[in-house]
Structures are given as structure tokens and as C-alpha cells.
Amino acid sequence: MGSLPKLSTVLTWALYFVPLYIFILDPVVRGFFPSLVAPPSDSDELFDESSAPGPGINLTDDSFISPEDGVPFRCASAEEYRVHLLSREPLIIYIENFISETEANHILDMSVNKYTPSIVYDGKTEQVDPTKRLSDRALLDRDDTVRCLEDRARRFQGWHPDLYIERMWAQRYNASGHYRHHYDWAGSLARGGDRFSTFMVYIDADCEGGGTNFPRLRMPAGEKWCQFLECEQRDEKGNDMGITFKPIKGNAVFWENLRSDGTGYPETWHAAFPVTKGTKVGLNVWSWYQPKRRYRSGK
């Protein structure tokens, strides 16, 4: 039976291994297998949206992506939105008047007869499950108004290369409508692509309740945030509930889902709290990131 290594030998190995892991092994794992270093999943964890494909996307598939196809469009109103920085890491920005009253009403009108029950994706199948998600959704036609919003979302993010705007969905929440906590990212960047960012736009907020909750974020300092956030909220046991954005028509919340290494931010775990009265309609604007594939020469 061989003898155990000396303590000095073990310490020497550790001194060599720690920097090797930090500077070489960890970046490699994060870059190629981001799902392996994602935060531990809760048993009922969800990924939104069921329409999102698996490993990579076909950039000619206009049922999922809104391609920059050169079709001319006109924007009816000038952009006069104002931004408020809530967090740098992850980047979260609150936007006042991201969408005009005219644009919001147009989307509400065009979506009326298109709503179908919203679905959830558990990693394997798509299904309607009102215990997790109770709302209706409507895929929007790409008319001038929608194309203007697509362009606005691209420019807001600085025309990021390899970033593609997904087809937009209106999400309607009637009384009791809700969506349990979930991520918009799936940890699939190494397999071809993932959701880089999200705009949650409120296009109708004639309701009570229905706030957008981020339980892993901390309330920012300053009472002025209370015009956008629920500043007096605790659960039944008096515990902190993170932050909850009030639904305010025309305003939006923007956040980045992915770190620079491709892993998802656990702080972006969020939910649509139940609407207790009236109706809330949100507009999802997602940006899908798919880096160009590199092929080795056969030589």
C-alpha cells in the first residue's frame, strides 16, 4: 500500500492548481458549458419563452426572428423617453415613455383577436399550465409601429453585433393573471445562442396588482424610485421581497440576461405578480444573441 503524500506536497499542488483553475479551467468551462455553472435550479424553475428554439437559430426563419430585411417603414412619433439606471451588474435600466400612447393603443387594437393561452417550456415540452402562467399572448404583425419598436430596441443597445430582435408578443393578464418566477435565459449560449436582453414594456396598466417582481435585487436608495417601485412591500411573514416594478402604461424595464462569459445572471429571476383587478398588457421585446460560428480549414 502506497504512502500518503506529505502535507508540503499537497500544499504545493494546491498552490499550482488554484491559479490554474481561476485563470484557465474556469473561463473555459464558462465559455463552452455555461449551463454547468448556472445557479442551482429550483424544482419548478421555468424558462421563458416556449417559442425560443434550442441550439441556435435559423436567421432566415421569420417566425422567430425579425430580420433587418430592408423593408421601409415610418415612425409616427419622436422618441422622448428618459432613462434611470437601477443596477450596473446586471445592467438594469428603467425607461419612462419608451412607447408612446399612440403606439401602445395601436398594439392593443391590433392584438385583440389574436390572443391564445400562454404556454410554458420546462426544458422538454411546451404546455399550458395556469398554475405557473395564467395569461394570453398575441404574436404581432410587423407593421410600421412594430418595426419602429424593433429599431428602437436595436439602437438602445448600440446596434450590438450578432444580436437579433425576436418577434414581439403582447401578453395580456386579466384578474388573477400571473407568471411564476422564471428566467428569460436558458444557459444555451454554448449550444448556439441565448436571450441576451429583455425589454418589459407596459402597454396597458388599467389594473391593481400585476407588478414585475425581482426577488434577488435590492431596493435602490432614494425615495424618488417609489414612483416606479412598490416601496412598501413585505410577504406574509414580513420578509423582504426584493423589488417590484409598478405597471405604468408606456414605461419599460430593460435588463441584460447574460454576463460577458455567456452565463446567465441569477439576479434576473423574475415574476409577474397576480393582477387583483382589471387588466394588464405587457409587450415582450427580447434580443437573441447568436455569435457567428467559426469553422476550421480542412488544410
C-alpha atoms as a PDB file:
ATOM      1  CA  MET A   1       0.000   0.000   0.000  1.00  0.00           C
ATOM      2  CA  GLY A   2       1.488   3.332  -1.068  1.00  0.00           C
ATOM      3  CA  SER A   3       2.160   6.018   1.474  1.00  0.00           C
ATOM      4  CA  LEU A   4       0.102   9.215   1.561  1.00  0.00           C
ATOM      5  CA  PRO A   5       1.724  12.332   0.094  1.00  0.00           C
ATOM      6  CA  LYS A   6       3.338  14.739   2.522  1.00  0.00           C
ATOM      7  CA  LEU A   7       1.434  17.817   3.638  1.00  0.00           C
ATOM      8  CA  SER A   8       4.025  20.044   1.988  1.00  0.00           C
ATOM      9  CA  THR A   9       3.451  18.223  -1.297  1.00  0.00           C
ATOM     10  CA  VAL A  10      -0.344  18.695  -1.060  1.00  0.00           C
ATOM     11  CA  LEU A  11       0.092  22.402  -0.352  1.00  0.00           C
ATOM     12  CA  THR A  12       2.422  22.733  -3.313  1.00  0.00           C
ATOM     13  CA  TRP A  13      -0.148  21.068  -5.579  1.00  0.00           C
ATOM     14  CA  ALA A  14      -2.841  23.408  -4.262  1.00  0.00           C
ATOM     15  CA  LEU A  15      -0.700  26.478  -4.947  1.00  0.00           C
ATOM     16  CA  TYR A  16      -0.333  25.367  -8.555  1.00  0.00           C
ATOM     17  CA  PHE A  17      -3.943  24.218  -9.016  1.00  0.00           C
ATOM     18  CA  VAL A  18      -5.772  27.324  -7.685  1.00  0.00           C
ATOM     19  CA  PRO A  19      -4.390  29.781 -10.288  1.00  0.00           C
ATOM     20  CA  LEU A  20      -4.743  27.089 -12.958  1.00  0.00           C
ATOM     21  CA  TYR A  21      -8.453  26.785 -12.132  1.00  0.00           C
ATOM     22  CA  ILE A  22      -9.108  30.534 -11.818  1.00  0.00           C
ATOM     23  CA  PHE A  23      -7.320  31.640 -14.981  1.00  0.00           C
ATOM     24  CA  ILE A  24      -7.685  28.638 -17.297  1.00  0.00           C
ATOM     25  CA  LEU A  25     -10.196  25.941 -16.309  1.00  0.00           C
ATOM     26  CA  ASP A  26     -12.996  28.203 -15.029  1.00  0.00           C
ATOM     27  CA  PRO A  27     -13.048  30.541 -18.092  1.00  0.00           C
ATOM     28  CA  VAL A  28     -13.009  27.536 -20.416  1.00  0.00           C
ATOM     29  CA  VAL A  29     -15.924  25.871 -18.618  1.00  0.00           C
ATOM     30  CA  ARG A  30     -17.928  29.111 -18.512  1.00  0.00           C
ATOM     31  CA  GLY A  31     -17.303  29.798 -22.182  1.00  0.00           C
ATOM     32  CA  PHE A  32     -18.203  26.386 -23.558  1.00  0.00           C
ATOM     33  CA  PHE A  33     -20.572  24.972 -20.913  1.00  0.00           C
ATOM     34  CA  PRO A  34     -22.407  27.916 -19.286  1.00  0.00           C
ATOM     35  CA  SER A  35     -25.241  25.690 -18.105  1.00  0.00           C
ATOM     36  CA  LEU A  36     -22.780  23.833 -15.851  1.00  0.00           C
ATOM     37  CA  VAL A  37     -22.025  26.977 -13.877  1.00  0.00           C
ATOM     38  CA  ALA A  38     -25.541  28.407 -13.817  1.00  0.00           C
ATOM     39  CA  PRO A  39     -27.134  28.852 -10.389  1.00  0.00           C
ATOM     40  CA  PRO A  40     -28.811  25.772  -8.905  1.00  0.00           C
ATOM     41  CA  SER A  41     -32.263  25.235 -10.329  1.00  0.00           C
ATOM     42  CA  ASP A  42     -35.377  25.266  -8.220  1.00  0.00           C
ATOM     43  CA  SER A  43     -37.608  22.274  -8.785  1.00  0.00           C
ATOM     44  CA  ASP A  44     -40.213  24.351 -10.608  1.00  0.00           C
ATOM     45  CA  GLU A  45     -37.814  26.635 -12.464  1.00  0.00           C
ATOM     46  CA  LEU A  46     -39.101  27.910 -15.795  1.00  0.00           C
ATOM     47  CA  PHE A  47     -37.547  29.320 -18.906  1.00  0.00           C
ATOM     48  CA  ASP A  48     -39.473  31.837 -20.953  1.00  0.00           C
ATOM     49  CA  GLU A  49     -40.359  31.657 -23.826  1.00  0.00           C
ATOM     50  CA  SER A  50     -41.709  28.456 -25.365  1.00  0.00           C
ATOM     51  CA  SER A  51     -41.185  29.878 -28.830  1.00  0.00           C
ATOM     52  CA  ALA A  52     -37.433  30.094 -28.326  1.00  0.00           C
ATOM     53  CA  PRO A  53     -35.521  27.399 -30.234  1.00  0.00           C
ATOM     54  CA  GLY A  54     -32.884  25.086 -28.865  1.00  0.00           C
ATOM     55  CA  PRO A  55     -29.277  25.001 -30.099  1.00  0.00           C
ATOM     56  CA  GLY A  56     -29.000  28.002 -32.386  1.00  0.00           C
ATOM     57  CA  ILE A  57     -31.457  29.654 -34.711  1.00  0.00           C
ATOM     58  CA  ASN A  58     -32.095  29.851 -38.410  1.00  0.00           C
ATOM     59  CA  LEU A  59     -31.670  33.542 -39.124  1.00  0.00           C
ATOM     60  CA  THR A  60     -33.930  33.252 -42.155  1.00  0.00           C
ATOM     61  CA  ASP A  61     -36.809  31.943 -40.002  1.00  0.00           C
ATOM     62  CA  ASP A  62     -39.041  35.000 -39.701  1.00  0.00           C
ATOM     63  CA  SER A  63     -41.487  33.115 -37.478  1.00  0.00           C
ATOM     64  CA  PHE A  64     -38.999  33.628 -34.631  1.00  0.00           C
ATOM     65  CA  ILE A  65     -36.610  36.414 -35.608  1.00  0.00           C
ATOM     66  CA  SER A  66     -37.495  39.837 -37.015  1.00  0.00           C
ATOM     67  CA  PRO A  67     -34.801  40.167 -39.704  1.00  0.00           C
ATOM     68  CA  GLU A  68     -33.492  43.518 -40.906  1.00  0.00           C
ATOM     69  CA  ASP A  69     -34.908  42.886 -44.360  1.00  0.00           C
ATOM     70  CA  GLY A  70     -34.730  46.375 -45.827  1.00  0.00           C
ATOM     71  CA  VAL A  71     -38.492  46.901 -45.843  1.00  0.00           C
ATOM     72  CA  PRO A  72     -39.085  50.681 -45.463  1.00  0.00           C
ATOM     73  CA  PHE A  73     -41.132  51.904 -42.526  1.00  0.00           C
ATOM     74  CA  ARG A  74     -42.217  55.201 -40.987  1.00  0.00           C
ATOM     75  CA  CYS A  75     -42.304  56.109 -37.318  1.00  0.00           C
ATOM     76  CA  ALA A  76     -45.239  58.270 -36.290  1.00  0.00           C
ATOM     77  CA  SER A  77     -43.753  59.928 -33.220  1.00  0.00           C
ATOM     78  CA  ALA A  78     -40.392  61.177 -31.999  1.00  0.00           C
ATOM     79  CA  GLU A  79     -38.702  59.327 -29.145  1.00  0.00           C
ATOM     80  CA  GLU A  80     -38.779  61.268 -25.898  1.00  0.00           C
ATOM     81  CA  TYR A  81     -38.023  58.568 -23.349  1.00  0.00           C
ATOM     82  CA  ARG A  82     -35.990  59.094 -20.194  1.00  0.00           C
ATOM     83  CA  VAL A  83     -33.735  56.503 -18.590  1.00  0.00           C
ATOM     84  CA  HIS A  84     -32.954  55.753 -14.945  1.00  0.00           C
ATOM     85  CA  LEU A  85     -30.057  53.446 -14.066  1.00  0.00           C
ATOM     86  CA  LEU A  86     -31.122  50.963 -11.387  1.00  0.00           C
ATOM     87  CA  SER A  87     -28.226  48.491 -11.497  1.00  0.00           C
ATOM     88  CA  ARG A  88     -24.893  48.179 -13.267  1.00  0.00           C
ATOM     89  CA  GLU A  89     -24.326  44.478 -12.560  1.00  0.00           C
ATOM     90  CA  PRO A  90     -26.519  43.175 -14.025  1.00  0.00           C
ATOM     91  CA  LEU A  91     -27.391  46.161 -16.173  1.00  0.00           C
ATOM     92  CA  ILE A  92     -30.989  47.174 -15.399  1.00  0.00           C
ATOM     93  CA  ILE A  93     -32.475  50.419 -16.728  1.00  0.00           C
ATOM     94  CA  TYR A  94     -35.921  51.833 -16.100  1.00  0.00           C
ATOM     95  CA  ILE A  95     -37.321  53.733 -19.099  1.00  0.00           C
ATOM     96  CA  GLU A  96     -40.063  56.347 -18.906  1.00  0.00           C
ATOM     97  CA  ASN A  97     -42.187  56.789 -22.040  1.00  0.00           C
ATOM     98  CA  PHE A  98     -40.385  54.093 -24.004  1.00  0.00           C
ATOM     99  CA  ILE A  99     -43.558  53.685 -26.054  1.00  0.00           C
ATOM    100  CA  SER A 100     -45.996  56.470 -26.906  1.00  0.00           C
ATOM    101  CA  GLU A 101     -49.708  56.486 -26.131  1.00  0.00           C
ATOM    102  CA  THR A 102     -50.448  56.206 -29.856  1.00  0.00           C
ATOM    103  CA  GLU A 103     -48.118  53.238 -30.286  1.00  0.00           C
ATOM    104  CA  ALA A 104     -49.466  51.462 -27.201  1.00  0.00           C
ATOM    105  CA  ASN A 105     -53.071  51.888 -28.282  1.00  0.00           C
ATOM    106  CA  HIS A 106     -52.267  50.677 -31.777  1.00  0.00           C
ATOM    107  CA  ILE A 107     -50.722  47.465 -30.413  1.00  0.00           C
ATOM    108  CA  LEU A 108     -53.695  46.944 -28.121  1.00  0.00           C
ATOM    109  CA  ASP A 109     -56.067  47.283 -31.088  1.00  0.00           C
ATOM    110  CA  MET A 110     -54.093  45.013 -33.419  1.00  0.00           C
ATOM    111  CA  SER A 111     -53.795  42.225 -30.842  1.00  0.00           C
ATOM    112  CA  VAL A 112     -57.455  41.995 -29.782  1.00  0.00           C
ATOM    113  CA  ASN A 113     -58.459  38.991 -31.911  1.00  0.00           C
ATOM    114  CA  LYS A 114     -55.098  37.191 -31.795  1.00  0.00           C
ATOM    115  CA  TYR A 115     -54.824  36.077 -28.171  1.00  0.00           C
ATOM    116  CA  THR A 116     -54.314  32.427 -27.284  1.00  0.00           C
ATOM    117  CA  PRO A 117     -53.393  30.891 -23.896  1.00  0.00           C
ATOM    118  CA  SER A 118     -49.751  31.443 -22.952  1.00  0.00           C
ATOM    119  CA  ILE A 119     -47.564  28.377 -22.604  1.00  0.00           C
ATOM    120  CA  VAL A 120     -44.534  27.409 -20.548  1.00  0.00           C
ATOM    121  CA  TYR A 121     -41.458  25.438 -21.503  1.00  0.00           C
ATOM    122  CA  ASP A 122     -39.956  23.070 -18.941  1.00  0.00           C
ATOM    123  CA  GLY A 123     -36.858  22.235 -20.988  1.00  0.00           C
ATOM    124  CA  LYS A 124     -38.527  19.363 -22.815  1.00  0.00           C
ATOM    125  CA  THR A 125     -42.117  20.164 -23.735  1.00  0.00           C
ATOM    126  CA  GLU A 126     -44.447  23.102 -24.266  1.00  0.00           C
ATOM    127  CA  GLN A 127     -47.652  23.127 -22.268  1.00  0.00           C
ATOM    128  CA  VAL A 128     -50.449  25.300 -20.920  1.00  0.00           C
ATOM    129  CA  ASP A 129     -50.163  25.346 -17.133  1.00  0.00           C
ATOM    130  CA  PRO A 130     -52.260  28.058 -15.427  1.00  0.00           C
ATOM    131  CA  THR A 131     -50.710  27.209 -12.045  1.00  0.00           C
ATOM    132  CA  LYS A 132     -47.416  28.573 -13.384  1.00  0.00           C
ATOM    133  CA  ARG A 133     -48.569  31.013 -16.047  1.00  0.00           C
ATOM    134  CA  LEU A 134     -52.072  32.397 -16.463  1.00  0.00           C
ATOM    135  CA  SER A 135     -52.225  34.862 -19.341  1.00  0.00           C
ATOM    136  CA  ASP A 136     -52.926  35.157 -23.048  1.00  0.00           C
ATOM    137  CA  ARG A 137     -50.463  36.092 -25.745  1.00  0.00           C
ATOM    138  CA  ALA A 138     -50.686  37.524 -29.253  1.00  0.00           C
ATOM    139  CA  LEU A 139     -47.967  37.490 -31.930  1.00  0.00           C
ATOM    140  CA  LEU A 140     -47.756  40.953 -33.501  1.00  0.00           C
ATOM    141  CA  ASP A 141     -47.651  41.629 -37.231  1.00  0.00           C
ATOM    142  CA  ARG A 142     -44.578  43.569 -38.346  1.00  0.00           C
ATOM    143  CA  ASP A 143     -46.259  46.788 -39.403  1.00  0.00           C
ATOM    144  CA  ASP A 144     -44.653  50.251 -39.180  1.00  0.00           C
ATOM    145  CA  THR A 145     -45.277  50.583 -35.443  1.00  0.00           C
ATOM    146  CA  VAL A 146     -43.713  47.214 -34.604  1.00  0.00           C
ATOM    147  CA  ARG A 147     -40.749  47.816 -36.930  1.00  0.00           C
ATOM    148  CA  CYS A 148     -40.170  51.177 -35.241  1.00  0.00           C
ATOM    149  CA  LEU A 149     -40.041  49.436 -31.858  1.00  0.00           C
ATOM    150  CA  GLU A 150     -37.640  46.815 -33.214  1.00  0.00           C
ATOM    151  CA  ASP A 151     -35.367  49.588 -34.477  1.00  0.00           C
ATOM    152  CA  ARG A 152     -35.668  51.438 -31.165  1.00  0.00           C
ATOM    153  CA  ALA A 153     -34.626  48.315 -29.246  1.00  0.00           C
ATOM    154  CA  ARG A 154     -31.596  47.790 -31.517  1.00  0.00           C
ATOM    155  CA  ARG A 155     -30.433  51.394 -31.181  1.00  0.00           C
ATOM    156  CA  PHE A 156     -30.995  51.421 -27.415  1.00  0.00           C
ATOM    157  CA  GLN A 157     -28.463  48.580 -27.182  1.00  0.00           C
ATOM    158  CA  GLY A 158     -25.964  50.229 -29.518  1.00  0.00           C
ATOM    159  CA  TRP A 159     -26.515  48.011 -32.560  1.00  0.00           C
ATOM    160  CA  HIS A 160     -24.751  45.140 -30.799  1.00  0.00           C
ATOM    161  CA  PRO A 161     -23.285  42.714 -33.367  1.00  0.00           C
ATOM    162  CA  ASP A 162     -24.833  39.250 -33.631  1.00  0.00           C
ATOM    163  CA  LEU A 163     -27.940  40.464 -31.783  1.00  0.00           C
ATOM    164  CA  TYR A 164     -31.339  39.731 -33.295  1.00  0.00           C
ATOM    165  CA  ILE A 165     -34.736  41.034 -32.192  1.00  0.00           C
ATOM    166  CA  GLU A 166     -37.288  38.273 -31.697  1.00  0.00           C
ATOM    167  CA  ARG A 167     -40.826  38.541 -32.983  1.00  0.00           C
ATOM    168  CA  MET A 168     -42.850  40.526 -30.477  1.00  0.00           C
ATOM    169  CA  TRP A 169     -45.653  39.162 -28.320  1.00  0.00           C
ATOM    170  CA  ALA A 170     -48.312  41.069 -26.415  1.00  0.00           C
ATOM    171  CA  GLN A 171     -49.078  39.397 -23.073  1.00  0.00           C
ATOM    172  CA  ARG A 172     -52.500  40.019 -21.512  1.00  0.00           C
ATOM    173  CA  TYR A 173     -53.150  39.412 -17.802  1.00  0.00           C
ATOM    174  CA  ASN A 174     -56.754  39.599 -16.637  1.00  0.00           C
ATOM    175  CA  ALA A 175     -57.837  39.290 -12.996  1.00  0.00           C
ATOM    176  CA  SER A 176     -55.772  36.510 -11.322  1.00  0.00           C
ATOM    177  CA  GLY A 177     -53.364  36.501 -14.276  1.00  0.00           C
ATOM    178  CA  HIS A 178     -49.778  35.826 -13.227  1.00  0.00           C
ATOM    179  CA  TYR A 179     -46.465  34.246 -14.213  1.00  0.00           C
ATOM    180  CA  ARG A 180     -44.370  32.478 -11.590  1.00  0.00           C
ATOM    181  CA  HIS A 181     -40.663  33.238 -11.178  1.00  0.00           C
ATOM    182  CA  HIS A 182     -38.549  32.294 -14.169  1.00  0.00           C
ATOM    183  CA  TYR A 183     -35.548  33.252 -16.273  1.00  0.00           C
ATOM    184  CA  ASP A 184     -35.597  34.604 -19.809  1.00  0.00           C
ATOM    185  CA  TRP A 185     -32.199  32.977 -20.443  1.00  0.00           C
ATOM    186  CA  ALA A 186     -31.701  29.238 -20.777  1.00  0.00           C
ATOM    187  CA  GLY A 187     -27.928  28.723 -20.384  1.00  0.00           C
ATOM    188  CA  SER A 188     -27.730  27.612 -24.029  1.00  0.00           C
ATOM    189  CA  LEU A 189     -25.174  30.055 -25.456  1.00  0.00           C
ATOM    190  CA  ALA A 190     -22.519  27.359 -25.841  1.00  0.00           C
ATOM    191  CA  ARG A 191     -25.029  25.320 -27.874  1.00  0.00           C
ATOM    192  CA  GLY A 192     -25.705  28.110 -30.335  1.00  0.00           C
ATOM    193  CA  GLY A 193     -27.498  31.087 -28.766  1.00  0.00           C
ATOM    194  CA  ASP A 194     -29.452  32.552 -25.869  1.00  0.00           C
ATOM    195  CA  ARG A 195     -31.507  35.575 -24.849  1.00  0.00           C
ATOM    196  CA  PHE A 196     -29.112  38.437 -24.261  1.00  0.00           C
ATOM    197  CA  SER A 197     -31.588  41.048 -23.050  1.00  0.00           C
ATOM    198  CA  THR A 198     -35.218  41.811 -22.257  1.00  0.00           C
ATOM    199  CA  PHE A 199     -37.491  44.845 -22.506  1.00  0.00           C
ATOM    200  CA  MET A 200     -40.660  44.502 -20.421  1.00  0.00           C
ATOM    201  CA  VAL A 201     -42.930  47.216 -21.839  1.00  0.00           C
ATOM    202  CA  TYR A 202     -46.270  48.101 -20.244  1.00  0.00           C
ATOM    203  CA  ILE A 203     -48.787  48.960 -22.972  1.00  0.00           C
ATOM    204  CA  ASP A 204     -51.888  48.842 -20.746  1.00  0.00           C
ATOM    205  CA  ALA A 205     -52.000  49.112 -16.962  1.00  0.00           C
ATOM    206  CA  ASP A 206     -55.637  49.625 -16.039  1.00  0.00           C
ATOM    207  CA  CYS A 207     -55.243  47.284 -13.089  1.00  0.00           C
ATOM    208  CA  GLU A 208     -54.380  46.709  -9.476  1.00  0.00           C
ATOM    209  CA  GLY A 209     -51.514  44.373  -8.633  1.00  0.00           C
ATOM    210  CA  GLY A 210     -49.624  42.807 -11.525  1.00  0.00           C
ATOM    211  CA  GLY A 211     -46.188  44.157 -10.638  1.00  0.00           C
ATOM    212  CA  THR A 212     -42.982  42.697 -12.080  1.00  0.00           C
ATOM    213  CA  ASN A 213     -41.013  41.244  -9.161  1.00  0.00           C
ATOM    214  CA  PHE A 214     -37.265  40.581  -8.909  1.00  0.00           C
ATOM    215  CA  PRO A 215     -36.758  38.899  -5.510  1.00  0.00           C
ATOM    216  CA  ARG A 216     -32.943  38.760  -5.838  1.00  0.00           C
ATOM    217  CA  LEU A 217     -32.483  42.501  -6.370  1.00  0.00           C
ATOM    218  CA  ARG A 218     -32.094  45.056  -3.608  1.00  0.00           C
ATOM    219  CA  MET A 219     -34.188  48.184  -3.296  1.00  0.00           C
ATOM    220  CA  PRO A 220     -32.202  51.184  -4.566  1.00  0.00           C
ATOM    221  CA  ALA A 221     -31.607  54.178  -2.344  1.00  0.00           C
ATOM    222  CA  GLY A 222     -33.708  57.281  -2.842  1.00  0.00           C
ATOM    223  CA  GLU A 223     -37.414  57.917  -2.360  1.00  0.00           C
ATOM    224  CA  LYS A 224     -37.842  59.017  -5.979  1.00  0.00           C
ATOM    225  CA  TRP A 225     -37.734  55.353  -7.012  1.00  0.00           C
ATOM    226  CA  CYS A 226     -41.056  54.897  -5.229  1.00  0.00           C
ATOM    227  CA  GLN A 227     -42.852  56.402  -8.226  1.00  0.00           C
ATOM    228  CA  PHE A 228     -41.805  53.314 -10.196  1.00  0.00           C
ATOM    229  CA  LEU A 229     -41.321  50.682  -7.481  1.00  0.00           C
ATOM    230  CA  GLU A 230     -43.502  49.256  -4.713  1.00  0.00           C
ATOM    231  CA  CYS A 231     -41.569  50.687  -1.773  1.00  0.00           C
ATOM    232  CA  GLU A 232     -43.735  49.251   0.997  1.00  0.00           C
ATOM    233  CA  GLN A 233     -43.910  45.534   0.335  1.00  0.00           C
ATOM    234  CA  ARG A 234     -43.353  42.529   2.543  1.00  0.00           C
ATOM    235  CA  ASP A 235     -44.563  38.965   2.329  1.00  0.00           C
ATOM    236  CA  GLU A 236     -46.972  37.470   4.881  1.00  0.00           C
ATOM    237  CA  LYS A 237     -44.070  36.746   7.222  1.00  0.00           C
ATOM    238  CA  GLY A 238     -42.669  40.258   6.973  1.00  0.00           C
ATOM    239  CA  ASN A 239     -39.702  39.240   4.814  1.00  0.00           C
ATOM    240  CA  ASP A 240     -38.152  41.415   2.127  1.00  0.00           C
ATOM    241  CA  MET A 241     -39.491  40.618  -1.366  1.00  0.00           C
ATOM    242  CA  GLY A 242     -36.747  42.225  -3.439  1.00  0.00           C
ATOM    243  CA  ILE A 243     -38.096  44.885  -5.802  1.00  0.00           C
ATOM    244  CA  THR A 244     -41.369  45.094  -7.712  1.00  0.00           C
ATOM    245  CA  PHE A 245     -41.935  47.415 -10.665  1.00  0.00           C
ATOM    246  CA  LYS A 246     -45.370  49.002 -10.885  1.00  0.00           C
ATOM    247  CA  PRO A 247     -47.182  48.540 -14.199  1.00  0.00           C
ATOM    248  CA  ILE A 248     -47.250  52.044 -15.731  1.00  0.00           C
ATOM    249  CA  LYS A 249     -48.513  52.444 -19.282  1.00  0.00           C
ATOM    250  CA  GLY A 250     -45.792  53.483 -21.729  1.00  0.00           C
ATOM    251  CA  ASN A 251     -42.881  52.715 -19.394  1.00  0.00           C
ATOM    252  CA  ALA A 252     -40.459  49.797 -19.648  1.00  0.00           C
ATOM    253  CA  VAL A 253     -37.821  47.853 -17.764  1.00  0.00           C
ATOM    254  CA  PHE A 254     -34.680  46.797 -19.654  1.00  0.00           C
ATOM    255  CA  TRP A 255     -32.197  44.260 -18.359  1.00  0.00           C
ATOM    256  CA  GLU A 256     -29.314  42.173 -19.647  1.00  0.00           C
ATOM    257  CA  ASN A 257     -29.675  38.440 -19.038  1.00  0.00           C
ATOM    258  CA  LEU A 258     -26.124  37.275 -19.805  1.00  0.00           C
ATOM    259  CA  ARG A 259     -22.676  38.008 -18.452  1.00  0.00           C
ATOM    260  CA  SER A 260     -19.795  38.609 -20.854  1.00  0.00           C
ATOM    261  CA  ASP A 261     -18.782  34.947 -20.471  1.00  0.00           C
ATOM    262  CA  GLY A 262     -22.217  33.751 -21.597  1.00  0.00           C
ATOM    263  CA  THR A 263     -23.583  32.646 -18.229  1.00  0.00           C
ATOM    264  CA  GLY A 264     -26.916  33.997 -17.016  1.00  0.00           C
ATOM    265  CA  TYR A 265     -27.422  36.431 -14.178  1.00  0.00           C
ATOM    266  CA  PRO A 266     -29.273  34.767 -11.278  1.00  0.00           C
ATOM    267  CA  GLU A 267     -30.494  38.233 -10.263  1.00  0.00           C
ATOM    268  CA  THR A 268     -32.797  38.290 -13.315  1.00  0.00           C
ATOM    269  CA  TRP A 269     -35.094  35.684 -11.719  1.00  0.00           C
ATOM    270  CA  HIS A 270     -38.457  37.459 -12.024  1.00  0.00           C
ATOM    271  CA  ALA A 271     -42.227  37.036 -11.976  1.00  0.00           C
ATOM    272  CA  ALA A 272     -45.459  38.759 -12.924  1.00  0.00           C
ATOM    273  CA  PHE A 273     -47.396  39.114  -9.695  1.00  0.00           C
ATOM    274  CA  PRO A 274     -51.137  38.363  -9.896  1.00  0.00           C
ATOM    275  CA  VAL A 275     -53.454  41.057 -11.201  1.00  0.00           C
ATOM    276  CA  THR A 276     -56.071  41.573  -8.488  1.00  0.00           C
ATOM    277  CA  LYS A 277     -58.365  43.825 -10.503  1.00  0.00           C
ATOM    278  CA  GLY A 278     -58.605  44.989 -14.121  1.00  0.00           C
ATOM    279  CA  THR A 279     -56.236  44.133 -16.982  1.00  0.00           C
ATOM    280  CA  LYS A 280     -52.520  44.472 -17.630  1.00  0.00           C
ATOM    281  CA  VAL A 281     -50.963  44.079 -21.074  1.00  0.00           C
ATOM    282  CA  GLY A 282     -47.223  43.807 -21.476  1.00  0.00           C
ATOM    283  CA  LEU A 283     -45.039  43.721 -24.557  1.00  0.00           C
ATOM    284  CA  ASN A 284     -42.047  41.385 -24.590  1.00  0.00           C
ATOM    285  CA  VAL A 285     -39.070  42.609 -26.620  1.00  0.00           C
ATOM    286  CA  TRP A 286     -36.302  40.016 -26.485  1.00  0.00           C
ATOM    287  CA  SER A 287     -32.889  40.122 -28.115  1.00  0.00           C
ATOM    288  CA  TRP A 288     -31.404  36.799 -29.121  1.00  0.00           C
ATOM    289  CA  TYR A 289     -27.609  36.602 -29.233  1.00  0.00           C
ATOM    290  CA  GLN A 290     -26.049  34.117 -31.630  1.00  0.00           C
ATOM    291  CA  PRO A 291     -22.339  34.587 -32.322  1.00  0.00           C
ATOM    292  CA  LYS A 292     -21.078  33.663 -35.743  1.00  0.00           C
ATOM    293  CA  ARG A 293     -19.823  30.104 -35.966  1.00  0.00           C
ATOM    294  CA  ARG A 294     -16.139  29.565 -36.753  1.00  0.00           C
ATOM    295  CA  TYR A 295     -15.054  26.680 -38.912  1.00  0.00           C
ATOM    296  CA  ARG A 296     -11.597  25.217 -39.135  1.00  0.00           C
ATOM    297  CA  SER A 297      -9.969  24.910 -42.514  1.00  0.00           C
ATOM    298  CA  GLY A 298      -9.573  21.391 -43.815  1.00  0.00           C
ATOM    299  CA  LYS A 299      -5.943  22.051 -44.634  1.00  0.00           C
END
